Protein backbone atom coordinates (compact mmCIF):
# COMPACT_ATOMS: atom_id res chain seq x y z
CA MET A 1 111.77 91.67 129.13
CA ALA A 2 113.48 93.74 127.76
CA HIS A 3 113.56 96.73 125.07
CA ILE A 4 115.07 96.52 121.34
CA SER A 5 116.04 99.80 119.48
CA PHE A 6 116.95 100.25 116.13
CA GLU A 7 119.59 102.69 115.11
CA ASN A 8 120.02 103.63 111.11
CA VAL A 9 119.99 99.86 110.55
CA SER A 10 120.33 98.56 106.88
CA LYS A 11 121.24 95.26 105.37
CA SER A 12 122.37 94.59 102.35
CA TYR A 13 123.10 91.64 100.11
CA SER A 14 125.63 93.00 97.59
CA THR A 15 124.29 95.71 95.98
CA LEU A 16 120.28 94.81 96.51
CA ASN A 17 119.27 96.71 99.73
CA VAL A 18 116.84 94.75 101.73
CA ILE A 19 116.38 96.97 104.78
CA ARG A 20 117.19 101.30 104.03
CA ASP A 21 117.94 103.33 107.26
CA ILE A 22 115.47 101.33 109.80
CA ASN A 23 114.52 103.77 113.65
CA LEU A 24 112.84 102.27 115.94
CA ASP A 25 112.30 101.40 119.41
CA ILE A 26 110.37 98.26 120.94
CA HIS A 27 109.51 99.38 124.42
CA ASP A 28 109.76 97.03 127.30
CA GLY A 29 106.46 94.27 127.19
CA GLU A 30 105.28 95.93 123.89
CA MET A 31 103.73 93.92 121.08
CA LEU A 32 105.01 95.34 117.73
CA ILE A 33 103.47 94.53 114.69
CA LEU A 34 105.36 94.07 111.35
CA VAL A 35 103.69 94.52 108.91
CA GLY A 36 103.43 95.07 104.82
CA PRO A 37 103.20 92.58 101.78
CA SER A 38 105.90 89.90 100.86
CA GLY A 39 108.93 90.88 100.10
CA CYS A 40 109.04 94.10 102.22
CA GLY A 41 112.07 93.22 104.53
CA LYS A 42 109.45 92.45 107.79
CA SER A 43 110.93 88.86 108.12
CA THR A 44 114.49 89.94 107.56
CA LEU A 45 113.84 92.36 110.41
CA LEU A 46 112.62 90.20 112.93
CA ARG A 47 116.00 87.74 112.09
CA MET A 48 118.16 90.26 112.37
CA ILE A 49 117.20 90.62 116.11
CA ALA A 50 117.42 86.93 116.19
CA GLY A 51 121.07 87.38 114.86
CA LEU A 52 120.46 84.57 112.50
CA GLU A 53 120.61 87.47 110.00
CA SER A 54 123.76 90.03 110.10
CA VAL A 55 123.55 94.00 110.21
CA SER A 56 125.46 95.81 107.24
CA SER A 57 125.22 99.43 109.13
CA GLY A 58 123.75 100.61 112.81
CA ALA A 59 123.48 99.00 115.73
CA ILE A 60 120.43 96.80 117.25
CA ARG A 61 120.52 96.73 120.88
CA ILE A 62 118.52 94.76 123.70
CA ASP A 63 118.44 96.98 126.94
CA ASP A 64 121.15 99.28 126.02
CA ARG A 65 123.51 96.68 124.89
CA VAL A 66 124.84 96.29 120.80
CA VAL A 67 123.85 93.02 119.99
CA ASN A 68 125.66 93.19 116.10
CA ASP A 69 128.30 90.81 116.36
CA LEU A 70 126.41 88.42 119.54
CA ASP A 71 125.25 84.76 118.85
CA PRO A 72 121.62 84.00 118.55
CA ARG A 73 121.99 82.00 121.29
CA ASP A 74 123.52 84.56 123.51
CA ARG A 75 121.15 87.41 122.94
CA ASP A 76 118.25 85.55 125.48
CA ILE A 77 115.61 85.55 122.75
CA ALA A 78 112.79 82.68 121.32
CA MET A 79 111.28 82.77 118.33
CA VAL A 80 108.65 80.84 117.08
CA PHE A 81 108.63 80.03 113.52
CA GLN A 82 105.68 79.55 110.73
CA SER A 83 106.44 75.87 110.11
CA TYR A 84 106.39 74.98 113.61
CA ALA A 85 110.07 73.09 113.17
CA LEU A 86 108.96 70.05 115.36
CA TYR A 87 110.63 66.83 116.03
CA PRO A 88 108.19 63.88 114.59
CA HIS A 89 110.23 61.39 116.72
CA LYS A 90 109.44 63.56 119.96
CA THR A 91 106.69 63.81 122.41
CA VAL A 92 105.23 67.08 122.98
CA LEU A 93 106.46 67.19 126.33
CA GLU A 94 110.18 66.01 124.85
CA ASN A 95 109.46 68.85 122.35
CA ILE A 96 109.05 71.50 124.87
CA THR A 97 111.87 71.13 127.21
CA PHE A 98 114.35 69.66 124.10
CA GLY A 99 116.08 73.38 124.51
CA LEU A 100 116.25 73.46 128.43
CA ARG A 101 117.66 69.54 128.23
CA MET A 102 120.45 70.66 125.69
CA ARG A 103 121.46 73.68 128.36
CA ARG A 104 121.70 70.74 131.55
CA MET A 105 119.14 72.19 133.44
CA ALA A 106 118.03 70.90 136.73
CA GLY A 107 115.20 68.32 135.65
CA ASP A 108 113.01 69.70 138.99
CA GLU A 109 113.60 73.23 136.95
CA ILE A 110 112.48 71.89 133.44
CA LEU A 111 109.62 70.30 134.58
CA ARG A 112 108.50 73.30 136.88
CA ARG A 113 108.56 75.13 133.63
CA ALA A 114 107.04 72.78 131.21
CA LYS A 115 104.03 72.19 133.64
CA GLN A 116 104.11 75.94 133.69
CA ALA A 117 103.82 76.21 129.94
CA SER A 118 101.48 73.58 129.08
CA MET A 119 98.27 74.59 131.51
CA ALA A 120 98.88 78.53 130.13
CA LEU A 121 98.75 76.64 126.74
CA GLY A 122 95.92 74.48 126.92
CA LEU A 123 98.67 71.63 126.23
CA ASP A 124 98.28 69.19 129.60
CA ALA A 125 96.81 66.57 128.22
CA TYR A 126 98.63 65.97 125.00
CA LEU A 127 102.13 65.51 126.83
CA ASP A 128 102.62 61.98 125.48
CA ARG A 129 101.27 62.68 121.58
CA TYR A 130 103.63 62.95 118.70
CA PRO A 131 103.17 66.32 116.35
CA ARG A 132 101.30 64.04 113.49
CA GLN A 133 98.45 63.10 116.60
CA LEU A 134 97.94 67.03 116.90
CA SER A 135 96.02 69.60 114.93
CA GLY A 136 97.59 72.49 113.74
CA GLY A 137 96.66 74.72 116.25
CA GLN A 138 97.75 72.25 118.85
CA ARG A 139 101.24 72.05 116.60
CA GLN A 140 101.23 75.65 116.82
CA ARG A 141 100.91 75.92 120.80
CA VAL A 142 103.75 73.22 121.13
CA ALA A 143 105.97 75.42 119.13
CA MET A 144 105.22 78.92 121.87
CA GLY A 145 105.63 76.24 124.53
CA ARG A 146 108.91 75.56 123.30
CA ALA A 147 109.94 79.01 123.29
CA LEU A 148 108.20 80.00 126.43
CA VAL A 149 109.73 77.59 128.92
CA ARG A 150 113.17 79.22 127.81
CA GLU A 151 111.34 82.22 129.91
CA PRO A 152 113.26 84.88 127.70
CA LYS A 153 113.44 88.62 127.27
CA ALA A 154 111.63 88.92 124.51
CA PHE A 155 109.53 86.61 121.54
CA LEU A 156 109.73 86.32 118.10
CA PHE A 157 106.86 85.81 116.26
CA ASP A 158 107.33 85.11 111.68
CA GLU A 159 104.54 85.07 110.40
CA PRO A 160 103.15 81.99 113.07
CA LEU A 161 100.05 81.64 111.89
CA SER A 162 100.09 81.28 108.54
CA ASN A 163 99.64 77.96 107.85
CA LEU A 164 95.70 77.98 109.52
CA ASP A 165 92.35 77.59 108.12
CA ALA A 166 90.66 80.81 108.82
CA GLN A 167 88.43 79.92 111.43
CA LEU A 168 91.99 78.47 113.55
CA ARG A 169 94.25 82.14 112.99
CA VAL A 170 91.16 84.15 114.55
CA GLN A 171 91.38 81.95 117.65
CA MET A 172 95.23 81.51 117.76
CA ARG A 173 95.47 85.10 117.41
CA MET A 174 93.54 86.03 120.59
CA GLU A 175 95.49 83.14 122.57
CA ILE A 176 98.61 84.51 121.52
CA ARG A 177 97.68 87.88 121.85
CA ALA A 178 96.29 87.47 125.43
CA LEU A 179 99.64 85.26 126.26
CA GLN A 180 101.49 88.28 125.77
CA GLN A 181 99.59 90.73 127.58
CA LYS A 182 99.69 88.27 130.64
CA LEU A 183 102.94 87.15 130.35
CA GLY A 184 103.70 91.20 129.52
CA VAL A 185 106.96 89.93 127.64
CA THR A 186 108.27 92.31 124.70
CA SER A 187 107.44 90.26 121.38
CA VAL A 188 107.59 91.47 117.75
CA TYR A 189 105.21 90.08 115.11
CA VAL A 190 105.48 89.52 111.64
CA THR A 191 102.49 89.52 109.39
CA HIS A 192 101.19 89.92 105.37
CA ASP A 193 97.69 90.08 107.06
CA GLN A 194 96.42 93.10 108.28
CA ILE A 195 93.75 92.37 110.21
CA GLU A 196 96.09 90.35 112.64
CA ALA A 197 98.04 93.28 112.66
CA MET A 198 95.09 95.66 113.70
CA THR A 199 93.99 92.74 116.21
CA MET A 200 97.06 91.79 118.07
CA GLY A 201 99.28 94.80 118.53
CA ASP A 202 100.12 97.91 121.11
CA LYS A 203 102.17 99.34 117.89
CA ILE A 204 101.96 98.90 114.76
CA ALA A 205 105.44 99.39 112.11
CA VAL A 206 104.19 99.60 107.89
CA MET A 207 106.53 98.38 105.68
CA ASN A 208 106.90 98.85 101.92
CA ARG A 209 110.30 98.23 99.90
CA GLY A 210 112.45 97.58 102.91
CA GLY A 211 111.64 100.76 104.66
CA ILE A 212 108.83 101.89 107.35
CA GLU A 213 106.34 104.25 106.23
CA GLN A 214 104.34 104.93 109.18
CA ILE A 215 104.60 103.69 112.59
CA GLY A 216 101.45 104.18 115.32
CA THR A 217 98.81 102.53 117.26
CA PRO A 218 96.27 100.69 114.77
CA LEU A 219 93.42 103.26 115.01
CA ASP A 220 96.13 106.23 114.50
CA ILE A 221 97.49 104.58 111.32
CA TYR A 222 93.48 103.13 110.24
CA ASP A 223 92.55 107.40 111.41
CA ARG A 224 95.03 109.22 109.90
CA PRO A 225 97.92 107.43 107.17
CA ALA A 226 100.72 109.30 106.57
CA ASN A 227 100.69 108.36 102.68
CA GLU A 228 98.24 106.31 100.27
CA PHE A 229 100.72 102.91 100.48
CA VAL A 230 99.27 102.59 104.23
CA ALA A 231 96.22 103.93 103.51
CA THR A 232 95.54 101.16 101.04
CA PHE A 233 97.39 97.97 102.62
CA ILE A 234 95.33 99.10 105.96
CA GLY A 235 91.64 98.56 106.11
CA SER A 236 89.19 95.75 104.33
CA PRO A 237 87.75 96.51 102.42
CA MET A 238 90.20 98.38 101.16
CA ILE A 239 89.94 102.27 100.92
CA ASN A 240 88.45 104.35 97.98
CA LEU A 241 90.80 106.48 96.09
CA LEU A 242 90.21 108.80 93.58
CA ASP A 243 91.85 110.97 91.07
CA ALA A 244 90.40 114.95 91.37
CA GLU A 245 91.87 118.34 90.68
CA VAL A 246 91.14 121.27 93.35
CA ARG A 247 88.81 123.78 92.47
CA GLY A 248 88.96 127.37 93.06
CA ASP A 249 87.83 127.35 96.61
CA GLY A 250 90.68 124.94 98.31
CA ARG A 251 87.83 123.30 100.25
CA SER A 252 86.27 120.95 97.29
CA ALA A 253 88.06 118.48 94.22
CA VAL A 254 86.45 117.42 91.29
CA THR A 255 87.10 113.98 89.87
CA PRO A 256 87.76 113.65 85.98
CA GLY A 257 84.10 112.19 86.07
CA GLY A 258 82.75 115.68 87.39
CA LEU A 259 81.89 113.86 90.88
CA VAL A 260 82.64 116.66 93.17
CA LEU A 261 84.49 115.56 96.60
CA PRO A 262 84.73 117.79 99.99
CA THR A 263 88.78 117.94 100.71
CA GLY A 264 88.11 118.66 104.74
CA THR A 265 90.83 120.00 106.49
CA ALA A 266 93.41 120.12 104.06
CA ALA A 267 94.96 123.39 102.90
CA LEU A 268 94.95 122.97 99.27
CA SER A 269 96.18 125.21 96.34
CA PRO A 270 93.73 125.74 93.64
CA GLY A 271 94.70 123.68 90.47
CA GLU A 272 96.38 120.98 92.36
CA LYS A 273 96.44 117.32 91.42
CA VAL A 274 95.25 114.89 94.48
CA ARG A 275 93.93 111.55 95.49
CA ILE A 276 91.43 111.71 97.79
CA GLY A 277 90.03 108.74 100.14
CA ILE A 278 87.15 107.51 101.53
CA ARG A 279 86.90 104.76 103.54
CA PRO A 280 83.54 102.70 102.70
CA GLU A 281 82.48 102.45 106.09
CA HIS A 282 82.02 106.04 105.55
CA VAL A 283 80.31 106.64 102.36
CA ARG A 284 76.42 107.14 102.93
CA LEU A 285 73.42 105.78 101.78
CA GLY A 286 71.07 108.26 102.25
CA ASP A 287 68.13 110.76 100.80
CA ASP A 288 70.88 113.45 99.56
CA GLY A 289 74.16 113.69 97.90
CA ALA A 290 75.78 111.85 94.51
CA PRO A 291 73.75 109.59 92.68
CA GLY A 292 74.60 106.33 91.67
CA ILE A 293 73.67 102.83 90.59
CA VAL A 294 74.55 99.53 92.26
CA GLU A 295 76.74 97.25 90.46
CA ALA A 296 77.06 94.14 92.90
CA VAL A 297 76.41 93.57 96.39
CA GLU A 298 77.90 90.90 98.66
CA GLN A 299 76.68 89.89 101.69
CA THR A 300 78.49 88.89 104.89
CA GLY A 301 75.46 87.69 107.14
CA LEU A 302 77.02 90.70 109.48
CA ASP A 303 77.57 93.11 106.66
CA THR A 304 76.69 94.58 103.40
CA LEU A 305 79.36 95.71 100.86
CA VAL A 306 77.91 97.53 98.00
CA LEU A 307 79.73 98.93 94.62
CA VAL A 308 78.00 101.92 92.79
CA ARG A 309 79.11 103.79 89.56
CA THR A 310 78.55 107.28 90.71
CA SER A 311 80.10 109.79 87.85
CA GLY A 312 82.13 107.08 86.00
CA THR A 313 83.84 105.67 89.14
CA ALA A 314 82.90 102.89 91.27
CA MET A 315 83.21 103.04 94.79
CA ARG A 316 82.54 100.79 97.52
CA VAL A 317 80.21 101.08 100.45
CA LEU A 318 80.51 98.80 103.55
CA ILE A 319 76.67 99.00 105.49
CA ARG A 320 76.92 97.77 109.15
CA GLU A 321 73.60 95.69 108.68
CA ARG A 322 72.11 93.72 106.59
CA ARG A 323 70.63 95.41 103.75
CA TYR A 324 68.47 93.84 100.55
CA MET A 325 69.77 95.79 97.99
CA GLU A 326 69.59 94.57 94.05
CA ARG A 327 72.11 95.43 91.11
CA GLY A 328 70.45 98.11 89.04
CA GLN A 329 69.51 100.33 92.40
CA LYS A 330 69.30 104.07 92.17
CA VAL A 331 70.78 105.25 95.42
CA LEU A 332 72.25 108.55 96.71
CA LEU A 333 75.84 108.89 97.97
CA SER A 334 76.74 111.18 100.79
CA LEU A 335 80.51 112.06 101.26
CA PRO A 336 81.32 113.21 104.61
CA PRO A 337 84.15 115.89 104.72
CA ALA A 338 85.85 115.16 107.86
CA ASP A 339 86.38 111.66 106.76
CA MET A 340 88.34 112.52 103.94
CA HIS A 341 91.56 111.40 103.14
CA VAL A 342 93.93 113.75 100.81
CA PHE A 343 97.04 112.74 99.47
CA SER A 344 99.93 114.03 96.79
CA SER A 345 99.37 112.64 93.68
CA ASP A 346 103.24 113.19 93.08
CA THR A 347 104.50 111.58 96.41
CA GLY A 348 101.46 109.94 97.90
CA ALA A 349 102.19 111.57 100.68
CA ARG A 350 99.45 112.98 103.40
CA ARG A 351 98.00 116.65 102.69
């Protein structure tokens, strides 16, 4: 296990800055999720830990040892790639043990580790098969087994589930998380899928344009996003965001269409331009509130997602039950003050 830290780490390609002054602590045994849109720098950050990308400035430490100039093979890190990177002409057992054989490890120790890994990953019955004879999920388990037998200080996962179908992704993310918790190995997991981020990590680092927007537990980030970017990126369905101007009492704001919104506990100045957010599950349909008309309904079987037009604004409403509603139906929207998020129109920062 390992403690990994970044101290003012940056990465540039000529004049292009892809990582900007990152400070980050990944504690021993912790699973950190790096999440963000494509091109935000999360995979580059992961590759810098592995030693596959150089550091332009700053320091990366593994257990208090600066590893900037240390070869990848000397960092005691195991990486699981998106593409599996299995040898097609080798069996599952040969793929899992290839790295150990290259290190000329004793045969008995290789078999012990292979047996332990195959049991943990449910691969016992597949050790004599070739990658072409396996499903996508089984291939991913083999790639994990190859990393597991090394007994590394840390695991690095680079979008390992992106090639799988939706149902298998759910199954595999549960298996990866359960295995990580069982082993207690420090892990860094890269994804652009915010559902994976919310369900798998002890902590999440939300990245954007080479920097970290916010670090925290999944629920901390969901309940109190640091800025508008985090609020919109984390959460499905996406948060409702409305432009508004603070009224004279400082406790409410009005949209251009005339919808009056509570501002919660934020200390605001009259006339201030803000963006007010409320998550779809916090909007209530009841006997009083702002009048609206249903524009669209999506039934998932478990939930009902409704798009409601009110005061010229479309609001997403998530109902945590099956409810039959029709397009054109009149409803009343209640917006609880405690569930409102207020962001600066100028900077996007939380107010």
